[in-house]
Structure formats: C-alpha cells, structure tokens
mmCIF file of all heavy atoms, coordinates in Angstrom:
data_MODEL
# 
_entry.id   MODEL 
# 
loop_
_atom_site.group_PDB 
_atom_site.id 
_atom_site.type_symbol 
_atom_site.label_atom_id 
_atom_site.label_alt_id 
_atom_site.label_comp_id 
_atom_site.label_asym_id 
_atom_site.label_entity_id 
_atom_site.label_seq_id 
_atom_site.pdbx_PDB_ins_code 
_atom_site.Cartn_x 
_atom_site.Cartn_y 
_atom_site.Cartn_z 
_atom_site.occupancy 
_atom_site.B_iso_or_equiv 
_atom_site.pdbx_formal_charge 
_atom_site.auth_seq_id 
_atom_site.auth_comp_id 
_atom_site.auth_asym_id 
_atom_site.auth_atom_id 
_atom_site.pdbx_PDB_model_num 
ATOM 1   N N   . GLY A 1 1  ? 0.803  -1.218  0.000   1.00 0.00 ? 1  GLY A N   1 
ATOM 2   C CA  . GLY A 1 1  ? 0.000  0.000   0.000   1.00 0.00 ? 1  GLY A CA  1 
ATOM 3   C C   . GLY A 1 1  ? 0.834  1.265   0.000   1.00 0.00 ? 1  GLY A C   1 
ATOM 4   O O   . GLY A 1 1  ? 1.879  1.348   -0.665  1.00 0.00 ? 1  GLY A O   1 
ATOM 5   N N   . GLU A 1 2  ? 0.389  2.237   0.773   1.00 0.00 ? 2  GLU A N   1 
ATOM 6   C CA  . GLU A 1 2  ? 1.055  3.536   0.792   1.00 0.00 ? 2  GLU A CA  1 
ATOM 7   C C   . GLU A 1 2  ? 2.348  3.538   1.588   1.00 0.00 ? 2  GLU A C   1 
ATOM 8   O O   . GLU A 1 2  ? 3.021  4.575   1.662   1.00 0.00 ? 2  GLU A O   1 
ATOM 9   C CB  . GLU A 1 2  ? 0.095  4.599   1.316   1.00 0.00 ? 2  GLU A CB  1 
ATOM 10  C CG  . GLU A 1 2  ? -1.077 4.842   0.371   1.00 0.00 ? 2  GLU A CG  1 
ATOM 11  C CD  . GLU A 1 2  ? -1.956 6.000   0.802   1.00 0.00 ? 2  GLU A CD  1 
ATOM 12  O OE1 . GLU A 1 2  ? -1.678 6.589   1.870   1.00 0.00 ? 2  GLU A OE1 1 
ATOM 13  O OE2 . GLU A 1 2  ? -2.921 6.310   0.081   1.00 0.00 ? 2  GLU A OE2 1 
ATOM 14  N N   . ARG A 1 3  ? 2.718  2.396   2.155   1.00 0.00 ? 3  ARG A N   1 
ATOM 15  C CA  . ARG A 1 3  ? 4.051  2.294   2.759   1.00 0.00 ? 3  ARG A CA  1 
ATOM 16  C C   . ARG A 1 3  ? 5.128  2.327   1.676   1.00 0.00 ? 3  ARG A C   1 
ATOM 17  O O   . ARG A 1 3  ? 6.280  2.643   1.952   1.00 0.00 ? 3  ARG A O   1 
ATOM 18  C CB  . ARG A 1 3  ? 4.173  0.999   3.571   1.00 0.00 ? 3  ARG A CB  1 
ATOM 19  C CG  . ARG A 1 3  ? 3.328  0.971   4.843   1.00 0.00 ? 3  ARG A CG  1 
ATOM 20  C CD  . ARG A 1 3  ? 3.601  -0.290  5.624   1.00 0.00 ? 3  ARG A CD  1 
ATOM 21  N NE  . ARG A 1 3  ? 5.002  -0.361  6.041   1.00 0.00 ? 3  ARG A NE  1 
ATOM 22  C CZ  . ARG A 1 3  ? 5.610  -1.469  6.412   1.00 0.00 ? 3  ARG A CZ  1 
ATOM 23  N NH1 . ARG A 1 3  ? 4.949  -2.620  6.392   1.00 0.00 ? 3  ARG A NH1 1 
ATOM 24  N NH2 . ARG A 1 3  ? 6.887  -1.449  6.766   1.00 0.00 ? 3  ARG A NH2 1 
ATOM 25  N N   . ILE A 1 4  ? 4.740  1.980   0.457   1.00 0.00 ? 4  ILE A N   1 
ATOM 26  C CA  . ILE A 1 4  ? 5.667  2.085   -0.670  1.00 0.00 ? 4  ILE A CA  1 
ATOM 27  C C   . ILE A 1 4  ? 5.710  3.549   -1.099  1.00 0.00 ? 4  ILE A C   1 
ATOM 28  O O   . ILE A 1 4  ? 4.666  4.150   -1.362  1.00 0.00 ? 4  ILE A O   1 
ATOM 29  C CB  . ILE A 1 4  ? 5.189  1.228   -1.865  1.00 0.00 ? 4  ILE A CB  1 
ATOM 30  C CG1 . ILE A 1 4  ? 4.942  -0.218  -1.427  1.00 0.00 ? 4  ILE A CG1 1 
ATOM 31  C CG2 . ILE A 1 4  ? 6.204  1.285   -3.004  1.00 0.00 ? 4  ILE A CG2 1 
ATOM 32  C CD1 . ILE A 1 4  ? 4.224  -1.047  -2.480  1.00 0.00 ? 4  ILE A CD1 1 
ATOM 33  N N   . PRO A 1 5  ? 6.869  4.167   -1.185  1.00 0.00 ? 5  PRO A N   1 
ATOM 34  C CA  . PRO A 1 5  ? 6.941  5.563   -1.641  1.00 0.00 ? 5  PRO A CA  1 
ATOM 35  C C   . PRO A 1 5  ? 6.276  5.731   -3.007  1.00 0.00 ? 5  PRO A C   1 
ATOM 36  O O   . PRO A 1 5  ? 6.303  4.820   -3.839  1.00 0.00 ? 5  PRO A O   1 
ATOM 37  C CB  . PRO A 1 5  ? 8.445  5.842   -1.705  1.00 0.00 ? 5  PRO A CB  1 
ATOM 38  C CG  . PRO A 1 5  ? 9.053  4.872   -0.741  1.00 0.00 ? 5  PRO A CG  1 
ATOM 39  C CD  . PRO A 1 5  ? 8.205  3.631   -0.829  1.00 0.00 ? 5  PRO A CD  1 
ATOM 40  N N   . LEU A 1 6  ? 5.664  6.878   -3.223  1.00 0.00 ? 6  LEU A N   1 
ATOM 41  C CA  . LEU A 1 6  ? 4.925  7.116   -4.459  1.00 0.00 ? 6  LEU A CA  1 
ATOM 42  C C   . LEU A 1 6  ? 5.799  6.880   -5.686  1.00 0.00 ? 6  LEU A C   1 
ATOM 43  O O   . LEU A 1 6  ? 5.342  6.296   -6.679  1.00 0.00 ? 6  LEU A O   1 
ATOM 44  C CB  . LEU A 1 6  ? 4.371  8.547   -4.472  1.00 0.00 ? 6  LEU A CB  1 
ATOM 45  C CG  . LEU A 1 6  ? 3.605  8.960   -5.730  1.00 0.00 ? 6  LEU A CG  1 
ATOM 46  C CD1 . LEU A 1 6  ? 2.435  8.017   -5.990  1.00 0.00 ? 6  LEU A CD1 1 
ATOM 47  C CD2 . LEU A 1 6  ? 3.121  10.414  -5.599  1.00 0.00 ? 6  LEU A CD2 1 
ATOM 48  N N   . GLU A 1 7  ? 7.058  7.313   -5.624  1.00 0.00 ? 7  GLU A N   1 
ATOM 49  C CA  . GLU A 1 7  ? 7.931  7.127   -6.782  1.00 0.00 ? 7  GLU A CA  1 
ATOM 50  C C   . GLU A 1 7  ? 8.132  5.644   -7.098  1.00 0.00 ? 7  GLU A C   1 
ATOM 51  O O   . GLU A 1 7  ? 8.234  5.244   -8.263  1.00 0.00 ? 7  GLU A O   1 
ATOM 52  C CB  . GLU A 1 7  ? 9.283  7.802   -6.570  1.00 0.00 ? 7  GLU A CB  1 
ATOM 53  C CG  . GLU A 1 7  ? 10.046 7.384   -5.326  1.00 0.00 ? 7  GLU A CG  1 
ATOM 54  C CD  . GLU A 1 7  ? 9.748  8.235   -4.106  1.00 0.00 ? 7  GLU A CD  1 
ATOM 55  O OE1 . GLU A 1 7  ? 8.715  8.947   -4.115  1.00 0.00 ? 7  GLU A OE1 1 
ATOM 56  O OE2 . GLU A 1 7  ? 10.541 8.193   -3.141  1.00 0.00 ? 7  GLU A OE2 1 
ATOM 57  N N   . GLY A 1 8  ? 8.149  4.798   -6.059  1.00 0.00 ? 8  GLY A N   1 
ATOM 58  C CA  . GLY A 1 8  ? 8.276  3.363   -6.276  1.00 0.00 ? 8  GLY A CA  1 
ATOM 59  C C   . GLY A 1 8  ? 7.024  2.781   -6.910  1.00 0.00 ? 8  GLY A C   1 
ATOM 60  O O   . GLY A 1 8  ? 7.097  1.894   -7.770  1.00 0.00 ? 8  GLY A O   1 
ATOM 61  N N   . ARG A 1 9  ? 5.855  3.280   -6.505  1.00 0.00 ? 9  ARG A N   1 
ATOM 62  C CA  . ARG A 1 9  ? 4.592  2.801   -7.081  1.00 0.00 ? 9  ARG A CA  1 
ATOM 63  C C   . ARG A 1 9  ? 4.468  3.191   -8.554  1.00 0.00 ? 9  ARG A C   1 
ATOM 64  O O   . ARG A 1 9  ? 3.941  2.434   -9.364  1.00 0.00 ? 9  ARG A O   1 
ATOM 65  C CB  . ARG A 1 9  ? 3.421  3.373   -6.292  1.00 0.00 ? 9  ARG A CB  1 
ATOM 66  C CG  . ARG A 1 9  ? 3.237  2.745   -4.905  1.00 0.00 ? 9  ARG A CG  1 
ATOM 67  C CD  . ARG A 1 9  ? 2.103  3.403   -4.163  1.00 0.00 ? 9  ARG A CD  1 
ATOM 68  N NE  . ARG A 1 9  ? 2.582  4.413   -3.226  1.00 0.00 ? 9  ARG A NE  1 
ATOM 69  C CZ  . ARG A 1 9  ? 1.878  5.461   -2.828  1.00 0.00 ? 9  ARG A CZ  1 
ATOM 70  N NH1 . ARG A 1 9  ? 0.682  5.693   -3.322  1.00 0.00 ? 9  ARG A NH1 1 
ATOM 71  N NH2 . ARG A 1 9  ? 2.376  6.314   -1.954  1.00 0.00 ? 9  ARG A NH2 1 
ATOM 72  N N   . ILE A 1 10 ? 4.957  4.369   -8.892  1.00 0.00 ? 10 ILE A N   1 
ATOM 73  C CA  . ILE A 1 10 ? 4.938  4.802   -10.290 1.00 0.00 ? 10 ILE A CA  1 
ATOM 74  C C   . ILE A 1 10 ? 5.881  3.949   -11.119 1.00 0.00 ? 10 ILE A C   1 
ATOM 75  O O   . ILE A 1 10 ? 5.529  3.458   -12.204 1.00 0.00 ? 10 ILE A O   1 
ATOM 76  C CB  . ILE A 1 10 ? 5.321  6.295   -10.385 1.00 0.00 ? 10 ILE A CB  1 
ATOM 77  C CG1 . ILE A 1 10 ? 4.201  7.162   -9.803  1.00 0.00 ? 10 ILE A CG1 1 
ATOM 78  C CG2 . ILE A 1 10 ? 5.605  6.691   -11.833 1.00 0.00 ? 10 ILE A CG2 1 
ATOM 79  C CD1 . ILE A 1 10 ? 4.550  8.638   -9.689  1.00 0.00 ? 10 ILE A CD1 1 
ATOM 80  N N   . LEU A 1 11 ? 7.103  3.730   -10.596 1.00 0.00 ? 11 LEU A N   1 
ATOM 81  C CA  . LEU A 1 11 ? 8.086  2.945   -11.346 1.00 0.00 ? 11 LEU A CA  1 
ATOM 82  C C   . LEU A 1 11 ? 7.654  1.497   -11.518 1.00 0.00 ? 11 LEU A C   1 
ATOM 83  O O   . LEU A 1 11 ? 7.984  0.864   -12.536 1.00 0.00 ? 11 LEU A O   1 
ATOM 84  C CB  . LEU A 1 11 ? 9.446  3.014   -10.637 1.00 0.00 ? 11 LEU A CB  1 
ATOM 85  C CG  . LEU A 1 11 ? 10.443 4.006   -11.202 1.00 0.00 ? 11 LEU A CG  1 
ATOM 86  C CD1 . LEU A 1 11 ? 10.969 3.572   -12.568 1.00 0.00 ? 11 LEU A CD1 1 
ATOM 87  C CD2 . LEU A 1 11 ? 9.876  5.409   -11.243 1.00 0.00 ? 11 LEU A CD2 1 
ATOM 88  N N   . ASN A 1 12 ? 6.924  0.961   -10.545 1.00 0.00 ? 12 ASN A N   1 
ATOM 89  C CA  . ASN A 1 12 ? 6.521  -0.436  -10.613 1.00 0.00 ? 12 ASN A CA  1 
ATOM 90  C C   . ASN A 1 12 ? 5.730  -0.726  -11.885 1.00 0.00 ? 12 ASN A C   1 
ATOM 91  O O   . ASN A 1 12 ? 6.018  -1.671  -12.618 1.00 0.00 ? 12 ASN A O   1 
ATOM 92  C CB  . ASN A 1 12 ? 5.681  -0.782  -9.382  1.00 0.00 ? 12 ASN A CB  1 
ATOM 93  C CG  . ASN A 1 12 ? 5.298  -2.253  -9.335  1.00 0.00 ? 12 ASN A CG  1 
ATOM 94  O OD1 . ASN A 1 12 ? 5.872  -3.086  -10.017 1.00 0.00 ? 12 ASN A OD1 1 
ATOM 95  N ND2 . ASN A 1 12 ? 4.301  -2.571  -8.531  1.00 0.00 ? 12 ASN A ND2 1 
ATOM 96  N N   . ILE A 1 13 ? 4.754  0.105   -12.187 1.00 0.00 ? 13 ILE A N   1 
ATOM 97  C CA  . ILE A 1 13 ? 3.918  -0.149  -13.362 1.00 0.00 ? 13 ILE A CA  1 
ATOM 98  C C   . ILE A 1 13 ? 4.679  0.175   -14.651 1.00 0.00 ? 13 ILE A C   1 
ATOM 99  O O   . ILE A 1 13 ? 4.525  -0.508  -15.670 1.00 0.00 ? 13 ILE A O   1 
ATOM 100 C CB  . ILE A 1 13 ? 2.587  0.636   -13.263 1.00 0.00 ? 13 ILE A CB  1 
ATOM 101 C CG1 . ILE A 1 13 ? 1.551  0.036   -14.223 1.00 0.00 ? 13 ILE A CG1 1 
ATOM 102 C CG2 . ILE A 1 13 ? 2.783  2.112   -13.533 1.00 0.00 ? 13 ILE A CG2 1 
ATOM 103 C CD1 . ILE A 1 13 ? 0.141  0.526   -13.936 1.00 0.00 ? 13 ILE A CD1 1 
ATOM 104 N N   . ALA A 1 14 ? 5.531  1.207   -14.617 1.00 0.00 ? 14 ALA A N   1 
ATOM 105 C CA  . ALA A 1 14 ? 6.333  1.543   -15.800 1.00 0.00 ? 14 ALA A CA  1 
ATOM 106 C C   . ALA A 1 14 ? 7.309  0.412   -16.126 1.00 0.00 ? 14 ALA A C   1 
ATOM 107 O O   . ALA A 1 14 ? 7.465  0.006   -17.287 1.00 0.00 ? 14 ALA A O   1 
ATOM 108 C CB  . ALA A 1 14 ? 7.093  2.848   -15.555 1.00 0.00 ? 14 ALA A CB  1 
ATOM 109 N N   . ASP A 1 15 ? 7.957  -0.115  -15.100 1.00 0.00 ? 15 ASP A N   1 
ATOM 110 C CA  . ASP A 1 15 ? 8.923  -1.197  -15.284 1.00 0.00 ? 15 ASP A CA  1 
ATOM 111 C C   . ASP A 1 15 ? 8.232  -2.464  -15.780 1.00 0.00 ? 15 ASP A C   1 
ATOM 112 O O   . ASP A 1 15 ? 8.742  -3.174  -16.660 1.00 0.00 ? 15 ASP A O   1 
ATOM 113 C CB  . ASP A 1 15 ? 9.637  -1.457  -13.956 1.00 0.00 ? 15 ASP A CB  1 
ATOM 114 C CG  . ASP A 1 15 ? 10.856 -2.354  -14.109 1.00 0.00 ? 15 ASP A CG  1 
ATOM 115 O OD1 . ASP A 1 15 ? 11.479 -2.326  -15.179 1.00 0.00 ? 15 ASP A OD1 1 
ATOM 116 O OD2 . ASP A 1 15 ? 11.176 -3.065  -13.146 1.00 0.00 ? 15 ASP A OD2 1 
ATOM 117 N N   . GLN A 1 16 ? 7.053  -2.756  -15.220 1.00 0.00 ? 16 GLN A N   1 
ATOM 118 C CA  . GLN A 1 16 ? 6.344  -3.969  -15.624 1.00 0.00 ? 16 GLN A CA  1 
ATOM 119 C C   . GLN A 1 16 ? 5.884  -3.888  -17.078 1.00 0.00 ? 16 GLN A C   1 
ATOM 120 O O   . GLN A 1 16 ? 5.978  -4.862  -17.830 1.00 0.00 ? 16 GLN A O   1 
ATOM 121 C CB  . GLN A 1 16 ? 5.128  -4.192  -14.714 1.00 0.00 ? 16 GLN A CB  1 
ATOM 122 C CG  . GLN A 1 16 ? 4.382  -5.486  -14.976 1.00 0.00 ? 16 GLN A CG  1 
ATOM 123 C CD  . GLN A 1 16 ? 5.272  -6.704  -14.761 1.00 0.00 ? 16 GLN A CD  1 
ATOM 124 O OE1 . GLN A 1 16 ? 5.991  -6.787  -13.772 1.00 0.00 ? 16 GLN A OE1 1 
ATOM 125 N NE2 . GLN A 1 16 ? 5.233  -7.642  -15.680 1.00 0.00 ? 16 GLN A NE2 1 
ATOM 126 N N   . TYR A 1 17 ? 5.411  -2.718  -17.485 1.00 0.00 ? 17 TYR A N   1 
ATOM 127 C CA  . TYR A 1 17 ? 4.978  -2.559  -18.871 1.00 0.00 ? 17 TYR A CA  1 
ATOM 128 C C   . TYR A 1 17 ? 6.148  -2.827  -19.823 1.00 0.00 ? 17 TYR A C   1 
ATOM 129 O O   . TYR A 1 17 ? 6.003  -3.574  -20.799 1.00 0.00 ? 17 TYR A O   1 
ATOM 130 C CB  . TYR A 1 17 ? 4.430  -1.154  -19.111 1.00 0.00 ? 17 TYR A CB  1 
ATOM 131 C CG  . TYR A 1 17 ? 4.121  -0.876  -20.566 1.00 0.00 ? 17 TYR A CG  1 
ATOM 132 C CD1 . TYR A 1 17 ? 2.914  -1.278  -21.132 1.00 0.00 ? 17 TYR A CD1 1 
ATOM 133 C CD2 . TYR A 1 17 ? 5.039  -0.218  -21.383 1.00 0.00 ? 17 TYR A CD2 1 
ATOM 134 C CE1 . TYR A 1 17 ? 2.632  -1.048  -22.475 1.00 0.00 ? 17 TYR A CE1 1 
ATOM 135 C CE2 . TYR A 1 17 ? 4.773  0.016   -22.726 1.00 0.00 ? 17 TYR A CE2 1 
ATOM 136 C CZ  . TYR A 1 17 ? 3.567  -0.395  -23.263 1.00 0.00 ? 17 TYR A CZ  1 
ATOM 137 O OH  . TYR A 1 17 ? 3.302  -0.159  -24.588 1.00 0.00 ? 17 TYR A OH  1 
ATOM 138 N N   . ASP A 1 18 ? 7.289  -2.242  -19.533 1.00 0.00 ? 18 ASP A N   1 
ATOM 139 C CA  . ASP A 1 18 ? 8.419  -2.407  -20.449 1.00 0.00 ? 18 ASP A CA  1 
ATOM 140 C C   . ASP A 1 18 ? 8.947  -3.834  -20.442 1.00 0.00 ? 18 ASP A C   1 
ATOM 141 O O   . ASP A 1 18 ? 9.389  -4.343  -21.466 1.00 0.00 ? 18 ASP A O   1 
ATOM 142 C CB  . ASP A 1 18 ? 9.550  -1.430  -20.089 1.00 0.00 ? 18 ASP A CB  1 
ATOM 143 C CG  . ASP A 1 18 ? 10.447 -1.162  -21.286 1.00 0.00 ? 18 ASP A CG  1 
ATOM 144 O OD1 . ASP A 1 18 ? 10.045 -0.379  -22.159 1.00 0.00 ? 18 ASP A OD1 1 
ATOM 145 O OD2 . ASP A 1 18 ? 11.534 -1.759  -21.348 1.00 0.00 ? 18 ASP A OD2 1 
ATOM 146 N N   . ALA A 1 19 ? 8.893  -4.485  -19.282 1.00 0.00 ? 19 ALA A N   1 
ATOM 147 C CA  . ALA A 1 19 ? 9.329  -5.881  -19.206 1.00 0.00 ? 19 ALA A CA  1 
ATOM 148 C C   . ALA A 1 19 ? 8.444  -6.769  -20.084 1.00 0.00 ? 19 ALA A C   1 
ATOM 149 O O   . ALA A 1 19 ? 8.927  -7.684  -20.755 1.00 0.00 ? 19 ALA A O   1 
ATOM 150 C CB  . ALA A 1 19 ? 9.294  -6.363  -17.755 1.00 0.00 ? 19 ALA A CB  1 
ATOM 151 N N   . LEU A 1 20 ? 7.154  -6.496  -20.088 1.00 0.00 ? 20 LEU A N   1 
ATOM 152 C CA  . LEU A 1 20 ? 6.235  -7.274  -20.920 1.00 0.00 ? 20 LEU A CA  1 
ATOM 153 C C   . LEU A 1 20 ? 6.471  -7.005  -22.404 1.00 0.00 ? 20 LEU A C   1 
ATOM 154 O O   . LEU A 1 20 ? 6.414  -7.919  -23.231 1.00 0.00 ? 20 LEU A O   1 
ATOM 155 C CB  . LEU A 1 20 ? 4.782  -6.934  -20.558 1.00 0.00 ? 20 LEU A CB  1 
ATOM 156 C CG  . LEU A 1 20 ? 4.315  -7.408  -19.178 1.00 0.00 ? 20 LEU A CG  1 
ATOM 157 C CD1 . LEU A 1 20 ? 2.968  -6.780  -18.844 1.00 0.00 ? 20 LEU A CD1 1 
ATOM 158 C CD2 . LEU A 1 20 ? 4.206  -8.928  -19.133 1.00 0.00 ? 20 LEU A CD2 1 
ATOM 159 N N   . ARG A 1 21 ? 6.756  -5.763  -22.755 1.00 0.00 ? 21 ARG A N   1 
ATOM 160 C CA  . ARG A 1 21 ? 6.952  -5.416  -24.158 1.00 0.00 ? 21 ARG A CA  1 
ATOM 161 C C   . ARG A 1 21 ? 8.277  -5.929  -24.715 1.00 0.00 ? 21 ARG A C   1 
ATOM 162 O O   . ARG A 1 21 ? 8.384  -6.233  -25.908 1.00 0.00 ? 21 ARG A O   1 
ATOM 163 C CB  . ARG A 1 21 ? 6.923  -3.882  -24.335 1.00 0.00 ? 21 ARG A CB  1 
ATOM 164 C CG  . ARG A 1 21 ? 5.591  -3.201  -24.097 1.00 0.00 ? 21 ARG A CG  1 
ATOM 165 C CD  . ARG A 1 21 ? 4.482  -3.658  -25.026 1.00 0.00 ? 21 ARG A CD  1 
ATOM 166 N NE  . ARG A 1 21 ? 4.853  -3.751  -26.424 1.00 0.00 ? 21 ARG A NE  1 
ATOM 167 C CZ  . ARG A 1 21 ? 4.768  -2.759  -27.313 1.00 0.00 ? 21 ARG A CZ  1 
ATOM 168 N NH1 . ARG A 1 21 ? 4.305  -1.583  -26.928 1.00 0.00 ? 21 ARG A NH1 1 
ATOM 169 N NH2 . ARG A 1 21 ? 5.098  -2.949  -28.573 1.00 0.00 ? 21 ARG A NH2 1 
ATOM 170 N N   . SER A 1 22 ? 9.286  -6.023  -23.874 1.00 0.00 ? 22 SER A N   1 
ATOM 171 C CA  . SER A 1 22 ? 10.647 -6.314  -24.348 1.00 0.00 ? 22 SER A CA  1 
ATOM 172 C C   . SER A 1 22 ? 10.864 -7.801  -24.556 1.00 0.00 ? 22 SER A C   1 
ATOM 173 O O   . SER A 1 22 ? 10.399 -8.633  -23.777 1.00 0.00 ? 22 SER A O   1 
ATOM 174 C CB  . SER A 1 22 ? 11.683 -5.786  -23.344 1.00 0.00 ? 22 SER A CB  1 
ATOM 175 O OG  . SER A 1 22 ? 11.515 -4.400  -23.136 1.00 0.00 ? 22 SER A OG  1 
ATOM 176 N N   . SER A 1 23 ? 11.580 -8.138  -25.607 1.00 0.00 ? 23 SER A N   1 
ATOM 177 C CA  . SER A 1 23 ? 11.933 -9.536  -25.871 1.00 0.00 ? 23 SER A CA  1 
ATOM 178 C C   . SER A 1 23 ? 13.182 -9.902  -25.079 1.00 0.00 ? 23 SER A C   1 
ATOM 179 O O   . SER A 1 23 ? 14.057 -9.081  -24.845 1.00 0.00 ? 23 SER A O   1 
ATOM 180 C CB  . SER A 1 23 ? 12.179 -9.752  -27.363 1.00 0.00 ? 23 SER A CB  1 
ATOM 181 O OG  . SER A 1 23 ? 13.294 -8.994  -27.803 1.00 0.00 ? 23 SER A OG  1 
ATOM 182 N N   . ARG A 1 24 ? 13.239 -11.146 -24.666 1.00 0.00 ? 24 ARG A N   1 
ATOM 183 C CA  . ARG A 1 24 ? 14.411 -11.718 -24.016 1.00 0.00 ? 24 ARG A CA  1 
ATOM 184 C C   . ARG A 1 24 ? 14.684 -13.071 -24.661 1.00 0.00 ? 24 ARG A C   1 
ATOM 185 O O   . ARG A 1 24 ? 13.842 -13.610 -25.383 1.00 0.00 ? 24 ARG A O   1 
ATOM 186 C CB  . ARG A 1 24 ? 14.166 -11.896 -22.498 1.00 0.00 ? 24 ARG A CB  1 
ATOM 187 C CG  . ARG A 1 24 ? 13.941 -10.582 -21.737 1.00 0.00 ? 24 ARG A CG  1 
ATOM 188 C CD  . ARG A 1 24 ? 15.213 -9.763  -21.664 1.00 0.00 ? 24 ARG A CD  1 
ATOM 189 N NE  . ARG A 1 24 ? 15.040 -8.584  -20.830 1.00 0.00 ? 24 ARG A NE  1 
ATOM 190 C CZ  . ARG A 1 24 ? 14.699 -7.391  -21.288 1.00 0.00 ? 24 ARG A CZ  1 
ATOM 191 N NH1 . ARG A 1 24 ? 14.460 -7.235  -22.593 1.00 0.00 ? 24 ARG A NH1 1 
ATOM 192 N NH2 . ARG A 1 24 ? 14.579 -6.357  -20.480 1.00 0.00 ? 24 ARG A NH2 1 
ATOM 193 N N   . LEU A 1 25 ? 15.839 -13.648 -24.371 1.00 0.00 ? 25 LEU A N   1 
ATOM 194 C CA  . LEU A 1 25 ? 16.168 -14.947 -24.932 1.00 0.00 ? 25 LEU A CA  1 
ATOM 195 C C   . LEU A 1 25 ? 15.153 -16.017 -24.508 1.00 0.00 ? 25 LEU A C   1 
ATOM 196 O O   . LEU A 1 25 ? 14.950 -16.998 -25.206 1.00 0.00 ? 25 LEU A O   1 
ATOM 197 C CB  . LEU A 1 25 ? 17.574 -15.366 -24.510 1.00 0.00 ? 25 LEU A CB  1 
ATOM 198 C CG  . LEU A 1 25 ? 18.717 -14.534 -25.123 1.00 0.00 ? 25 LEU A CG  1 
ATOM 199 C CD1 . LEU A 1 25 ? 20.038 -14.971 -24.525 1.00 0.00 ? 25 LEU A CD1 1 
ATOM 200 C CD2 . LEU A 1 25 ? 18.739 -14.659 -26.633 1.00 0.00 ? 25 LEU A CD2 1 
ATOM 201 N N   . TYR A 1 26 ? 14.521 -15.795 -23.346 1.00 0.00 ? 26 TYR A N   1 
ATOM 202 C CA  . TYR A 1 26 ? 13.584 -16.786 -22.828 1.00 0.00 ? 26 TYR A CA  1 
ATOM 203 C C   . TYR A 1 26 ? 12.117 -16.376 -22.997 1.00 0.00 ? 26 TYR A C   1 
ATOM 204 O O   . TYR A 1 26 ? 11.228 -17.077 -22.533 1.00 0.00 ? 26 TYR A O   1 
ATOM 205 C CB  . TYR A 1 26 ? 13.868 -17.064 -21.343 1.00 0.00 ? 26 TYR A CB  1 
ATOM 206 C CG  . TYR A 1 26 ? 13.873 -15.825 -20.483 1.00 0.00 ? 26 TYR A CG  1 
ATOM 207 C CD1 . TYR A 1 26 ? 12.707 -15.350 -19.893 1.00 0.00 ? 26 TYR A CD1 1 
ATOM 208 C CD2 . TYR A 1 26 ? 15.047 -15.118 -20.270 1.00 0.00 ? 26 TYR A CD2 1 
ATOM 209 C CE1 . TYR A 1 26 ? 12.703 -14.214 -19.116 1.00 0.00 ? 26 TYR A CE1 1 
ATOM 210 C CE2 . TYR A 1 26 ? 15.065 -13.981 -19.493 1.00 0.00 ? 26 TYR A CE2 1 
ATOM 211 C CZ  . TYR A 1 26 ? 13.888 -13.537 -18.921 1.00 0.00 ? 26 TYR A CZ  1 
ATOM 212 O OH  . TYR A 1 26 ? 13.893 -12.405 -18.153 1.00 0.00 ? 26 TYR A OH  1 
# 
C-alpha cells in the first residue's frame, strides 16, 4: 500500500509494462 513511496509505485507499473513489451532470450 502507501508504505511504498509514491515514486516506487509509479516505477513499478512503468517497469512492468516495459518488461512485458521487451523480448528476451527466454
């Protein structure tokens, strides 16, 4: 919840989106 700093909550969804979009060897 809000124990996570706001900047971390914003980065979480940004990072997850890019991880899903990006290709990896696996």
